[in-house]
Amino acid sequence: MEFWQTALLGVFSFGFTFWIKSLHATINRLWEENRQMYTVFQLKSDAVRDHEQVMNVLSEIKLSLERMNDRIDRRTDAGGR
């Protein structure tokens, strides 16, 4: 009887150990995926911020060119009359 108890305990211990190792591996994989998702989120946030800055600079350049064109038009009109 003692042999069967020991054998059953051994099988249970093996199964439990296997389950714990599997659980540990799953947790590690989830942590890694979480780090990757955070990195992707940071990159996307940085890209959005950079896009907004580029659009602001382009808007300033456009306004500057429009003002310059207006000045050129005024000088051309004043010189032609």
C-alpha atoms as a PDB file:
ATOM      1  CA  MET A   1       0.000   0.000   0.000  1.00  0.00           C
ATOM      2  CA  GLU A   2       2.834   2.383   0.821  1.00  0.00           C
ATOM      3  CA  PHE A   3       4.319   1.822  -2.654  1.00  0.00           C
ATOM      4  CA  TRP A   4       1.095   2.966  -4.335  1.00  0.00           C
ATOM      5  CA  GLN A   5       0.831   6.027  -2.137  1.00  0.00           C
ATOM      6  CA  THR A   6       4.416   6.945  -2.979  1.00  0.00           C
ATOM      7  CA  ALA A   7       3.808   6.290  -6.666  1.00  0.00           C
ATOM      8  CA  LEU A   8       0.615   8.373  -6.656  1.00  0.00           C
ATOM      9  CA  LEU A   9       2.362  11.179  -4.801  1.00  0.00           C
ATOM     10  CA  GLY A  10       5.201  11.021  -7.352  1.00  0.00           C
ATOM     11  CA  VAL A  11       2.785  11.274 -10.274  1.00  0.00           C
ATOM     12  CA  PHE A  12       0.929  14.128  -8.585  1.00  0.00           C
ATOM     13  CA  SER A  13       4.203  15.934  -7.833  1.00  0.00           C
ATOM     14  CA  PHE A  14       5.380  15.512 -11.426  1.00  0.00           C
ATOM     15  CA  GLY A  15       2.077  16.867 -12.778  1.00  0.00           C
ATOM     16  CA  PHE A  16       2.072  19.768 -10.356  1.00  0.00           C
ATOM     17  CA  THR A  17       5.701  20.621 -11.164  1.00  0.00           C
ATOM     18  CA  PHE A  18       4.961  20.487 -14.897  1.00  0.00           C
ATOM     19  CA  TRP A  19       1.924  22.753 -14.402  1.00  0.00           C
ATOM     20  CA  ILE A  20       3.963  25.262 -12.362  1.00  0.00           C
ATOM     21  CA  LYS A  21       6.711  25.360 -15.018  1.00  0.00           C
ATOM     22  CA  SER A  22       4.121  25.834 -17.743  1.00  0.00           C
ATOM     23  CA  LEU A  23       2.471  28.615 -15.748  1.00  0.00           C
ATOM     24  CA  HIS A  24       5.838  30.288 -15.181  1.00  0.00           C
ATOM     25  CA  ALA A  25       6.659  30.122 -18.923  1.00  0.00           C
ATOM     26  CA  THR A  26       3.254  31.604 -19.771  1.00  0.00           C
ATOM     27  CA  ILE A  27       3.745  34.457 -17.310  1.00  0.00           C
ATOM     28  CA  ASN A  28       7.188  35.193 -18.772  1.00  0.00           C
ATOM     29  CA  ARG A  29       5.758  35.206 -22.302  1.00  0.00           C
ATOM     30  CA  LEU A  30       2.988  37.586 -21.226  1.00  0.00           C
ATOM     31  CA  TRP A  31       5.521  39.922 -19.600  1.00  0.00           C
ATOM     32  CA  GLU A  32       7.555  39.951 -22.826  1.00  0.00           C
ATOM     33  CA  GLU A  33       4.459  40.649 -24.922  1.00  0.00           C
ATOM     34  CA  ASN A  34       3.515  43.434 -22.520  1.00  0.00           C
ATOM     35  CA  ARG A  35       6.969  45.018 -22.924  1.00  0.00           C
ATOM     36  CA  GLN A  36       6.678  44.770 -26.711  1.00  0.00           C
ATOM     37  CA  MET A  37       3.219  46.341 -26.674  1.00  0.00           C
ATOM     38  CA  TYR A  38       4.516  49.184 -24.490  1.00  0.00           C
ATOM     39  CA  THR A  39       7.393  49.752 -26.929  1.00  0.00           C
ATOM     40  CA  VAL A  40       4.987  49.833 -29.889  1.00  0.00           C
ATOM     41  CA  PHE A  41       2.724  52.250 -27.998  1.00  0.00           C
ATOM     42  CA  GLN A  42       5.718  54.520 -27.267  1.00  0.00           C
ATOM     43  CA  LEU A  43       6.789  54.438 -30.902  1.00  0.00           C
ATOM     44  CA  LYS A  44       3.282  55.281 -32.087  1.00  0.00           C
ATOM     45  CA  SER A  45       2.995  58.099 -29.550  1.00  0.00           C
ATOM     46  CA  ASP A  46       6.355  59.475 -30.673  1.00  0.00           C
ATOM     47  CA  ALA A  47       5.294  59.213 -34.325  1.00  0.00           C
ATOM     48  CA  VAL A  48       2.062  61.123 -33.649  1.00  0.00           C
ATOM     49  CA  ARG A  49       3.962  63.832 -31.772  1.00  0.00           C
ATOM     50  CA  ASP A  50       6.571  64.087 -34.543  1.00  0.00           C
ATOM     51  CA  HIS A  51       3.838  64.236 -37.191  1.00  0.00           C
ATOM     52  CA  GLU A  52       2.166  67.128 -35.356  1.00  0.00           C
ATOM     53  CA  GLN A  53       5.483  68.983 -35.144  1.00  0.00           C
ATOM     54  CA  VAL A  54       6.168  68.455 -38.860  1.00  0.00           C
ATOM     55  CA  MET A  55       2.679  69.668 -39.747  1.00  0.00           C
ATOM     56  CA  ASN A  56       3.186  72.791 -37.607  1.00  0.00           C
ATOM     57  CA  VAL A  57       6.502  73.547 -39.317  1.00  0.00           C
ATOM     58  CA  LEU A  58       4.926  73.029 -42.751  1.00  0.00           C
ATOM     59  CA  SER A  59       2.063  75.330 -41.778  1.00  0.00           C
ATOM     60  CA  GLU A  60       4.546  78.024 -40.704  1.00  0.00           C
ATOM     61  CA  ILE A  61       6.448  77.629 -43.987  1.00  0.00           C
ATOM     62  CA  LYS A  62       3.200  77.930 -45.951  1.00  0.00           C
ATOM     63  CA  LEU A  63       2.221  81.091 -44.100  1.00  0.00           C
ATOM     64  CA  SER A  64       5.674  82.548 -44.651  1.00  0.00           C
ATOM     65  CA  LEU A  65       5.499  81.801 -48.389  1.00  0.00           C
ATOM     66  CA  GLU A  66       2.030  83.341 -48.605  1.00  0.00           C
ATOM     67  CA  ARG A  67       3.256  86.512 -46.877  1.00  0.00           C
ATOM     68  CA  MET A  68       6.257  86.630 -49.192  1.00  0.00           C
ATOM     69  CA  ASN A  69       4.031  86.227 -52.243  1.00  0.00           C
ATOM     70  CA  ASP A  70       1.779  89.029 -50.966  1.00  0.00           C
ATOM     71  CA  ARG A  71       4.806  91.343 -50.564  1.00  0.00           C
ATOM     72  CA  ILE A  72       6.051  90.461 -54.051  1.00  0.00           C
ATOM     73  CA  ASP A  73       2.580  91.101 -55.480  1.00  0.00           C
ATOM     74  CA  ARG A  74       2.367  94.486 -53.738  1.00  0.00           C
ATOM     75  CA  ARG A  75       5.813  95.542 -54.987  1.00  0.00           C
ATOM     76  CA  THR A  76       4.992  94.361 -58.484  1.00  0.00           C
ATOM     77  CA  ASP A  77       1.676  96.237 -58.447  1.00  0.00           C
ATOM     78  CA  ALA A  78       3.300  99.381 -57.020  1.00  0.00           C
ATOM     79  CA  GLY A  79       6.103  99.314 -59.579  1.00  0.00           C
ATOM     80  CA  GLY A  80       3.807  98.739 -62.538  1.00  0.00           C
ATOM     81  CA  ARG A  81       1.549 101.707 -61.909  1.00  0.00           C
END
